[in-house]
Amino acid sequence: MRMTIDAPANSQTAVGGLLSVANTVDSSGLETFYGVQYLSVLSGHSRVWIEGEEKVFDKLPTVEGDKFTLYRGIETSLLMQSGVGEPEVLRAFTASAGYGIEQHLQKLMNDEAVDITPTPGTPVTNIKAAVGLLEQYAADRYAGLPLLHGNKLAVELIPELRDRDGKLFTVNGTPIANGAGYGPEGPGDLTADPAEAWLYITGQINIWQESVEVIEGPSLKENRDRHLAEGTYVATIDGGFTAAILIGF
């Protein structure tokens, strides 16, 4: 018979990912109940005026975000592990919330993304050029700091990365969300092969988050104790643009 103890503290946690570079906001509860919308003031650029020309007035894009919920459920022995479930499900949820948020955000990006792969369906192997194409695409449309997204494979292929306090940046200073939750499915229902991956560029990512709620549901008949952790979020992609490129090796 073994003694039941608390799980040892993790000396190392996963680094990087979307939450390391996104703008996260603690929600008052209203944002994550109703969703949000706002005007993207950093979309577009100022223009040179030549005397005699008619001046152009831009319509700023409206950025919208709807709520979504993440959950994590764990099951323990009601008799042998009583009291263990609540702290452990919170730890498990917190450690992996970024992965679920990345999965949700990729769906949003795929719905809006313009595929700028030079030859559609053929992965770019000059990754430095692919990053430059994405950064220039963003710079032509956005006055803020863009964000580059890719899974671990995609980011590992980018040359000359800069590391600042555990966060990754391109040569041009673009922050990188190296999220394991970004999968092979890309825009237009195109799926990357095992030797390929998608790189995306967006404006700033804003994430409103509620406090996590834990619900207990013991089952006396089965001698099982179930704990459910749930958190509600809203995510927005600033700037009104998203672009993607298929890369490979």
C-alpha atoms as a PDB file:
ATOM      1  CA  MET A   1       0.000   0.000   0.000  1.00  0.00           C
ATOM      2  CA  ARG A   2       1.401   3.365  -0.992  1.00  0.00           C
ATOM      3  CA  MET A   3       0.943   6.677   0.778  1.00  0.00           C
ATOM      4  CA  THR A   4      -1.131   9.294  -1.060  1.00  0.00           C
ATOM      5  CA  ILE A   5       0.617  12.691  -1.173  1.00  0.00           C
ATOM      6  CA  ASP A   6       0.189  15.981  -3.005  1.00  0.00           C
ATOM      7  CA  ALA A   7       1.761  16.009  -6.453  1.00  0.00           C
ATOM      8  CA  PRO A   8       5.267  17.530  -6.339  1.00  0.00           C
ATOM      9  CA  ALA A   9       5.520  21.125  -7.483  1.00  0.00           C
ATOM     10  CA  ASN A  10       6.622  21.430 -11.099  1.00  0.00           C
ATOM     11  CA  SER A  11      10.068  22.988 -11.258  1.00  0.00           C
ATOM     12  CA  GLN A  12       9.615  23.751 -14.963  1.00  0.00           C
ATOM     13  CA  THR A  13       6.522  24.767 -16.922  1.00  0.00           C
ATOM     14  CA  ALA A  14       6.052  25.136 -20.658  1.00  0.00           C
ATOM     15  CA  VAL A  15       7.440  28.412 -21.977  1.00  0.00           C
ATOM     16  CA  GLY A  16       6.105  30.682 -24.694  1.00  0.00           C
ATOM     17  CA  GLY A  17       2.730  30.204 -26.306  1.00  0.00           C
ATOM     18  CA  LEU A  18       0.001  32.707 -27.051  1.00  0.00           C
ATOM     19  CA  LEU A  19      -0.585  33.796 -23.444  1.00  0.00           C
ATOM     20  CA  SER A  20       3.024  34.945 -23.131  1.00  0.00           C
ATOM     21  CA  VAL A  21       2.555  37.628 -25.800  1.00  0.00           C
ATOM     22  CA  ALA A  22      -1.196  38.353 -25.885  1.00  0.00           C
ATOM     23  CA  ASN A  23      -2.846  41.249 -24.058  1.00  0.00           C
ATOM     24  CA  THR A  24      -4.768  39.537 -21.259  1.00  0.00           C
ATOM     25  CA  VAL A  25      -7.456  41.374 -19.296  1.00  0.00           C
ATOM     26  CA  ASP A  26      -9.272  40.243 -16.157  1.00  0.00           C
ATOM     27  CA  SER A  27     -12.945  40.394 -17.069  1.00  0.00           C
ATOM     28  CA  SER A  28     -15.498  42.222 -14.935  1.00  0.00           C
ATOM     29  CA  GLY A  29     -17.932  39.488 -15.984  1.00  0.00           C
ATOM     30  CA  LEU A  30     -19.755  41.696 -18.470  1.00  0.00           C
ATOM     31  CA  GLU A  31     -17.282  41.123 -21.326  1.00  0.00           C
ATOM     32  CA  THR A  32     -17.401  37.358 -20.917  1.00  0.00           C
ATOM     33  CA  PHE A  33     -21.190  37.378 -20.680  1.00  0.00           C
ATOM     34  CA  TYR A  34     -22.089  39.638 -23.595  1.00  0.00           C
ATOM     35  CA  GLY A  35     -18.957  39.483 -25.782  1.00  0.00           C
ATOM     36  CA  VAL A  36     -17.238  42.687 -26.959  1.00  0.00           C
ATOM     37  CA  GLN A  37     -16.924  44.968 -29.946  1.00  0.00           C
ATOM     38  CA  TYR A  38     -14.808  48.068 -30.571  1.00  0.00           C
ATOM     39  CA  LEU A  39     -13.249  50.139 -33.368  1.00  0.00           C
ATOM     40  CA  SER A  40      -9.675  49.228 -34.329  1.00  0.00           C
ATOM     41  CA  VAL A  41      -7.962  52.633 -34.259  1.00  0.00           C
ATOM     42  CA  LEU A  42      -4.582  51.230 -35.357  1.00  0.00           C
ATOM     43  CA  SER A  43      -5.941  49.892 -38.637  1.00  0.00           C
ATOM     44  CA  GLY A  44      -4.601  51.651 -41.750  1.00  0.00           C
ATOM     45  CA  HIS A  45      -2.165  54.568 -42.138  1.00  0.00           C
ATOM     46  CA  SER A  46      -2.058  58.332 -42.525  1.00  0.00           C
ATOM     47  CA  ARG A  47      -1.805  59.623 -46.095  1.00  0.00           C
ATOM     48  CA  VAL A  48       0.216  62.275 -47.898  1.00  0.00           C
ATOM     49  CA  TRP A  49      -2.041  65.083 -49.114  1.00  0.00           C
ATOM     50  CA  ILE A  50      -1.365  66.760 -52.447  1.00  0.00           C
ATOM     51  CA  GLU A  51      -3.042  70.098 -52.945  1.00  0.00           C
ATOM     52  CA  GLY A  52      -6.147  69.782 -55.073  1.00  0.00           C
ATOM     53  CA  GLU A  53      -6.766  66.140 -54.179  1.00  0.00           C
ATOM     54  CA  GLU A  54      -9.865  65.085 -52.304  1.00  0.00           C
ATOM     55  CA  LYS A  55      -9.105  63.761 -48.846  1.00  0.00           C
ATOM     56  CA  VAL A  56     -10.085  60.208 -47.939  1.00  0.00           C
ATOM     57  CA  PHE A  57     -11.937  59.312 -44.746  1.00  0.00           C
ATOM     58  CA  ASP A  58     -11.513  55.744 -43.536  1.00  0.00           C
ATOM     59  CA  LYS A  59     -14.118  53.572 -41.893  1.00  0.00           C
ATOM     60  CA  LEU A  60     -12.366  51.880 -39.015  1.00  0.00           C
ATOM     61  CA  PRO A  61     -13.079  48.144 -38.838  1.00  0.00           C
ATOM     62  CA  THR A  62     -15.251  46.916 -35.988  1.00  0.00           C
ATOM     63  CA  VAL A  63     -13.539  44.157 -34.038  1.00  0.00           C
ATOM     64  CA  GLU A  64     -15.868  41.628 -32.433  1.00  0.00           C
ATOM     65  CA  GLY A  65     -15.335  38.834 -29.949  1.00  0.00           C
ATOM     66  CA  ASP A  66     -17.767  36.225 -28.632  1.00  0.00           C
ATOM     67  CA  LYS A  67     -17.411  34.252 -25.431  1.00  0.00           C
ATOM     68  CA  PHE A  68     -16.147  30.691 -25.321  1.00  0.00           C
ATOM     69  CA  THR A  69     -15.598  28.282 -22.454  1.00  0.00           C
ATOM     70  CA  LEU A  70     -12.723  25.996 -21.589  1.00  0.00           C
ATOM     71  CA  TYR A  71     -13.049  23.138 -19.133  1.00  0.00           C
ATOM     72  CA  ARG A  72     -10.946  20.466 -17.496  1.00  0.00           C
ATOM     73  CA  GLY A  73     -12.421  17.511 -15.643  1.00  0.00           C
ATOM     74  CA  ILE A  74     -10.591  15.019 -13.433  1.00  0.00           C
ATOM     75  CA  GLU A  75     -11.779  12.003 -11.502  1.00  0.00           C
ATOM     76  CA  THR A  76     -10.324  10.674  -8.241  1.00  0.00           C
ATOM     77  CA  SER A  77     -11.170   8.023  -5.663  1.00  0.00           C
ATOM     78  CA  LEU A  78     -13.785   9.336  -3.239  1.00  0.00           C
ATOM     79  CA  LEU A  79     -12.498   7.077  -0.454  1.00  0.00           C
ATOM     80  CA  MET A  80      -8.741   7.141  -0.960  1.00  0.00           C
ATOM     81  CA  GLN A  81      -8.211  10.611  -2.473  1.00  0.00           C
ATOM     82  CA  SER A  82     -10.784  12.805  -0.752  1.00  0.00           C
ATOM     83  CA  GLY A  83      -9.924  16.497  -0.937  1.00  0.00           C
ATOM     84  CA  VAL A  84      -7.347  16.008  -3.678  1.00  0.00           C
ATOM     85  CA  GLY A  85      -9.520  16.850  -6.671  1.00  0.00           C
ATOM     86  CA  GLU A  86     -10.163  20.597  -6.319  1.00  0.00           C
ATOM     87  CA  PRO A  87      -6.557  21.851  -6.099  1.00  0.00           C
ATOM     88  CA  GLU A  88      -5.403  19.361  -8.715  1.00  0.00           C
ATOM     89  CA  VAL A  89      -8.065  20.256 -11.292  1.00  0.00           C
ATOM     90  CA  LEU A  90      -7.169  23.935 -10.857  1.00  0.00           C
ATOM     91  CA  ARG A  91      -3.509  23.163 -11.434  1.00  0.00           C
ATOM     92  CA  ALA A  92      -4.321  21.041 -14.465  1.00  0.00           C
ATOM     93  CA  PHE A  93      -6.637  23.677 -15.947  1.00  0.00           C
ATOM     94  CA  THR A  94      -4.220  26.561 -15.436  1.00  0.00           C
ATOM     95  CA  ALA A  95      -1.281  24.641 -16.882  1.00  0.00           C
ATOM     96  CA  SER A  96      -3.114  23.821 -20.115  1.00  0.00           C
ATOM     97  CA  ALA A  97      -5.527  26.747 -20.652  1.00  0.00           C
ATOM     98  CA  GLY A  98      -3.228  28.347 -23.227  1.00  0.00           C
ATOM     99  CA  TYR A  99      -3.429  25.254 -25.436  1.00  0.00           C
ATOM    100  CA  GLY A 100      -7.232  25.442 -25.595  1.00  0.00           C
ATOM    101  CA  ILE A 101      -7.201  29.193 -26.244  1.00  0.00           C
ATOM    102  CA  GLU A 102      -4.779  28.668 -29.136  1.00  0.00           C
ATOM    103  CA  GLN A 103      -7.095  26.054 -30.657  1.00  0.00           C
ATOM    104  CA  HIS A 104     -10.022  28.476 -30.468  1.00  0.00           C
ATOM    105  CA  LEU A 105      -8.014  31.385 -31.859  1.00  0.00           C
ATOM    106  CA  GLN A 106      -6.801  29.339 -34.832  1.00  0.00           C
ATOM    107  CA  LYS A 107     -10.423  28.723 -35.810  1.00  0.00           C
ATOM    108  CA  LEU A 108     -11.006  32.489 -35.729  1.00  0.00           C
ATOM    109  CA  MET A 109      -7.870  33.107 -37.790  1.00  0.00           C
ATOM    110  CA  ASN A 110      -8.779  30.459 -40.363  1.00  0.00           C
ATOM    111  CA  ASP A 111     -12.205  32.037 -40.856  1.00  0.00           C
ATOM    112  CA  GLU A 112     -10.630  35.386 -41.784  1.00  0.00           C
ATOM    113  CA  ALA A 113      -7.127  34.584 -43.051  1.00  0.00           C
ATOM    114  CA  VAL A 114      -5.864  35.508 -46.503  1.00  0.00           C
ATOM    115  CA  ASP A 115      -3.542  32.748 -47.726  1.00  0.00           C
ATOM    116  CA  ILE A 116      -0.550  34.604 -49.205  1.00  0.00           C
ATOM    117  CA  THR A 117       1.510  31.475 -49.927  1.00  0.00           C
ATOM    118  CA  PRO A 118       3.174  32.460 -53.256  1.00  0.00           C
ATOM    119  CA  THR A 119       2.208  29.147 -54.873  1.00  0.00           C
ATOM    120  CA  PRO A 120      -0.981  28.025 -53.102  1.00  0.00           C
ATOM    121  CA  GLY A 121      -0.653  24.568 -51.571  1.00  0.00           C
ATOM    122  CA  THR A 122       3.143  24.488 -52.047  1.00  0.00           C
ATOM    123  CA  PRO A 123       5.027  25.123 -48.792  1.00  0.00           C
ATOM    124  CA  VAL A 124       7.645  27.872 -48.715  1.00  0.00           C
ATOM    125  CA  THR A 125      11.024  26.489 -47.674  1.00  0.00           C
ATOM    126  CA  ASN A 126      12.743  29.872 -47.461  1.00  0.00           C
ATOM    127  CA  ILE A 127      11.270  30.571 -44.033  1.00  0.00           C
ATOM    128  CA  LYS A 128      12.991  33.934 -43.676  1.00  0.00           C
ATOM    129  CA  ALA A 129      11.218  35.091 -46.843  1.00  0.00           C
ATOM    130  CA  ALA A 130       7.887  33.736 -45.570  1.00  0.00           C
ATOM    131  CA  VAL A 131       8.236  35.705 -42.325  1.00  0.00           C
ATOM    132  CA  GLY A 132       9.136  38.838 -44.283  1.00  0.00           C
ATOM    133  CA  LEU A 133       6.083  38.499 -46.532  1.00  0.00           C
ATOM    134  CA  LEU A 134       3.816  38.185 -43.504  1.00  0.00           C
ATOM    135  CA  GLU A 135       5.413  41.120 -41.692  1.00  0.00           C
ATOM    136  CA  GLN A 136       5.144  43.371 -44.735  1.00  0.00           C
ATOM    137  CA  TYR A 137       1.511  42.343 -45.216  1.00  0.00           C
ATOM    138  CA  ALA A 138       0.791  43.437 -41.643  1.00  0.00           C
ATOM    139  CA  ALA A 139       2.851  46.634 -41.939  1.00  0.00           C
ATOM    140  CA  ASP A 140       0.822  47.733 -44.969  1.00  0.00           C
ATOM    141  CA  ARG A 141      -2.409  47.465 -42.973  1.00  0.00           C
ATOM    142  CA  TYR A 142      -1.641  48.081 -39.317  1.00  0.00           C
ATOM    143  CA  ALA A 143       0.083  50.796 -37.299  1.00  0.00           C
ATOM    144  CA  GLY A 144       0.367  48.660 -34.166  1.00  0.00           C
ATOM    145  CA  LEU A 145       2.714  45.839 -33.253  1.00  0.00           C
ATOM    146  CA  PRO A 146       1.608  42.670 -35.085  1.00  0.00           C
ATOM    147  CA  LEU A 147       1.828  39.157 -33.736  1.00  0.00           C
ATOM    148  CA  LEU A 148       3.249  36.118 -35.526  1.00  0.00           C
ATOM    149  CA  HIS A 149       1.659  32.738 -34.734  1.00  0.00           C
ATOM    150  CA  GLY A 150       2.961  29.246 -35.334  1.00  0.00           C
ATOM    151  CA  ASN A 151       3.177  25.864 -33.671  1.00  0.00           C
ATOM    152  CA  LYS A 152       6.423  24.492 -32.267  1.00  0.00           C
ATOM    153  CA  LEU A 153       7.512  23.082 -35.638  1.00  0.00           C
ATOM    154  CA  ALA A 154       6.824  26.308 -37.509  1.00  0.00           C
ATOM    155  CA  VAL A 155       8.691  28.501 -35.048  1.00  0.00           C
ATOM    156  CA  GLU A 156      11.646  26.117 -34.852  1.00  0.00           C
ATOM    157  CA  LEU A 157      12.137  26.658 -38.600  1.00  0.00           C
ATOM    158  CA  ILE A 158      12.419  30.462 -38.300  1.00  0.00           C
ATOM    159  CA  PRO A 159      16.062  31.597 -38.460  1.00  0.00           C
ATOM    160  CA  GLU A 160      17.675  34.350 -36.394  1.00  0.00           C
ATOM    161  CA  LEU A 161      15.106  34.500 -33.607  1.00  0.00           C
ATOM    162  CA  ARG A 162      15.587  36.955 -30.768  1.00  0.00           C
ATOM    163  CA  ASP A 163      14.959  35.918 -27.159  1.00  0.00           C
ATOM    164  CA  ARG A 164      13.984  38.532 -24.579  1.00  0.00           C
ATOM    165  CA  ASP A 165      13.171  37.269 -21.110  1.00  0.00           C
ATOM    166  CA  GLY A 166      11.858  33.980 -22.480  1.00  0.00           C
ATOM    167  CA  LYS A 167       9.751  35.594 -25.223  1.00  0.00           C
ATOM    168  CA  LEU A 168      10.595  35.141 -28.905  1.00  0.00           C
ATOM    169  CA  PHE A 169      10.784  37.909 -31.522  1.00  0.00           C
ATOM    170  CA  THR A 170      11.683  38.131 -35.190  1.00  0.00           C
ATOM    171  CA  VAL A 171      14.539  40.277 -36.477  1.00  0.00           C
ATOM    172  CA  ASN A 172      11.981  43.053 -37.037  1.00  0.00           C
ATOM    173  CA  GLY A 173      10.806  42.850 -33.430  1.00  0.00           C
ATOM    174  CA  THR A 174       7.513  41.053 -34.053  1.00  0.00           C
ATOM    175  CA  PRO A 175       6.491  38.972 -31.015  1.00  0.00           C
ATOM    176  CA  ILE A 176       5.938  35.269 -31.708  1.00  0.00           C
ATOM    177  CA  ALA A 177       3.205  33.080 -30.240  1.00  0.00           C
ATOM    178  CA  ASN A 178       4.788  29.613 -30.464  1.00  0.00           C
ATOM    179  CA  GLY A 179       1.643  27.776 -29.476  1.00  0.00           C
ATOM    180  CA  ALA A 180       1.431  23.997 -29.322  1.00  0.00           C
ATOM    181  CA  GLY A 181      -2.343  24.345 -29.720  1.00  0.00           C
ATOM    182  CA  TYR A 182      -2.059  25.541 -33.321  1.00  0.00           C
ATOM    183  CA  GLY A 183      -2.849  22.504 -35.452  1.00  0.00           C
ATOM    184  CA  PRO A 184      -2.284  21.500 -39.103  1.00  0.00           C
ATOM    185  CA  GLU A 185      -5.662  22.824 -40.308  1.00  0.00           C
ATOM    186  CA  GLY A 186      -5.236  26.099 -42.175  1.00  0.00           C
ATOM    187  CA  PRO A 187      -7.401  28.573 -44.066  1.00  0.00           C
ATOM    188  CA  GLY A 188      -9.569  27.235 -46.869  1.00  0.00           C
ATOM    189  CA  ASP A 189      -9.685  23.765 -45.278  1.00  0.00           C
ATOM    190  CA  LEU A 190      -6.064  23.148 -46.310  1.00  0.00           C
ATOM    191  CA  THR A 191      -4.268  20.757 -43.970  1.00  0.00           C
ATOM    192  CA  ALA A 192      -0.504  20.847 -43.531  1.00  0.00           C
ATOM    193  CA  ASP A 193       1.406  17.589 -44.020  1.00  0.00           C
ATOM    194  CA  PRO A 194       3.701  16.312 -41.227  1.00  0.00           C
ATOM    195  CA  ALA A 195       6.682  18.181 -42.749  1.00  0.00           C
ATOM    196  CA  GLU A 196       4.653  21.413 -43.110  1.00  0.00           C
ATOM    197  CA  ALA A 197       3.098  24.015 -40.818  1.00  0.00           C
ATOM    198  CA  TRP A 198       1.130  27.243 -40.973  1.00  0.00           C
ATOM    199  CA  LEU A 199       2.472  30.643 -39.996  1.00  0.00           C
ATOM    200  CA  TYR A 200      -0.045  33.426 -39.321  1.00  0.00           C
ATOM    201  CA  ILE A 201       0.202  37.139 -38.705  1.00  0.00           C
ATOM    202  CA  THR A 202      -2.433  39.245 -36.963  1.00  0.00           C
ATOM    203  CA  GLY A 203      -2.802  42.448 -35.045  1.00  0.00           C
ATOM    204  CA  GLN A 204      -2.692  42.412 -31.270  1.00  0.00           C
ATOM    205  CA  ILE A 205      -4.596  39.569 -29.614  1.00  0.00           C
ATOM    206  CA  ASN A 206      -6.755  40.616 -26.672  1.00  0.00           C
ATOM    207  CA  ILE A 207      -8.086  38.017 -24.236  1.00  0.00           C
ATOM    208  CA  TRP A 208     -10.629  38.737 -21.504  1.00  0.00           C
ATOM    209  CA  GLN A 209     -10.707  36.029 -18.855  1.00  0.00           C
ATOM    210  CA  GLU A 210     -12.988  35.254 -15.915  1.00  0.00           C
ATOM    211  CA  SER A 211     -12.004  33.633 -12.655  1.00  0.00           C
ATOM    212  CA  VAL A 212     -12.027  29.855 -12.969  1.00  0.00           C
ATOM    213  CA  GLU A 213     -14.922  28.052 -11.283  1.00  0.00           C
ATOM    214  CA  VAL A 214     -14.607  24.561  -9.815  1.00  0.00           C
ATOM    215  CA  ILE A 215     -17.642  22.284  -9.437  1.00  0.00           C
ATOM    216  CA  GLU A 216     -17.602  18.997  -7.498  1.00  0.00           C
ATOM    217  CA  GLY A 217     -19.783  16.027  -8.393  1.00  0.00           C
ATOM    218  CA  PRO A 218     -19.200  13.007  -6.139  1.00  0.00           C
ATOM    219  CA  SER A 219     -20.661   9.620  -7.058  1.00  0.00           C
ATOM    220  CA  LEU A 220     -21.097   7.570  -3.883  1.00  0.00           C
ATOM    221  CA  LYS A 221     -22.232   4.450  -5.751  1.00  0.00           C
ATOM    222  CA  GLU A 222     -19.097   4.390  -7.904  1.00  0.00           C
ATOM    223  CA  ASN A 223     -16.794   5.702  -5.154  1.00  0.00           C
ATOM    224  CA  ARG A 224     -15.584   8.392  -7.545  1.00  0.00           C
ATOM    225  CA  ASP A 225     -15.145  12.108  -7.000  1.00  0.00           C
ATOM    226  CA  ARG A 226     -15.331  14.306 -10.086  1.00  0.00           C
ATOM    227  CA  HIS A 227     -14.150  17.908 -10.241  1.00  0.00           C
ATOM    228  CA  LEU A 228     -14.810  20.224 -13.152  1.00  0.00           C
ATOM    229  CA  ALA A 229     -12.897  23.481 -13.714  1.00  0.00           C
ATOM    230  CA  GLU A 230     -14.413  25.958 -16.172  1.00  0.00           C
ATOM    231  CA  GLY A 231     -13.311  29.363 -17.397  1.00  0.00           C
ATOM    232  CA  THR A 232     -15.053  31.734 -19.808  1.00  0.00           C
ATOM    233  CA  TYR A 233     -13.058  33.883 -22.230  1.00  0.00           C
ATOM    234  CA  VAL A 234     -13.414  36.379 -25.053  1.00  0.00           C
ATOM    235  CA  ALA A 235     -10.687  36.760 -27.681  1.00  0.00           C
ATOM    236  CA  THR A 236     -10.345  39.459 -30.343  1.00  0.00           C
ATOM    237  CA  ILE A 237      -7.966  39.943 -33.249  1.00  0.00           C
ATOM    238  CA  ASP A 238      -7.157  43.635 -33.563  1.00  0.00           C
ATOM    239  CA  GLY A 239      -6.596  45.395 -36.881  1.00  0.00           C
ATOM    240  CA  GLY A 240      -9.200  43.667 -39.017  1.00  0.00           C
ATOM    241  CA  PHE A 241      -6.705  41.435 -40.863  1.00  0.00           C
ATOM    242  CA  THR A 242      -5.148  37.967 -40.715  1.00  0.00           C
ATOM    243  CA  ALA A 243      -2.728  36.412 -43.196  1.00  0.00           C
ATOM    244  CA  ALA A 244      -1.219  32.925 -43.414  1.00  0.00           C
ATOM    245  CA  ILE A 245       1.593  31.180 -45.260  1.00  0.00           C
ATOM    246  CA  LEU A 246       2.240  27.446 -45.543  1.00  0.00           C
ATOM    247  CA  ILE A 247       5.870  26.602 -44.778  1.00  0.00           C
ATOM    248  CA  GLY A 248       7.824  23.352 -44.817  1.00  0.00           C
ATOM    249  CA  PHE A 249      11.211  21.670 -45.030  1.00  0.00           C
END
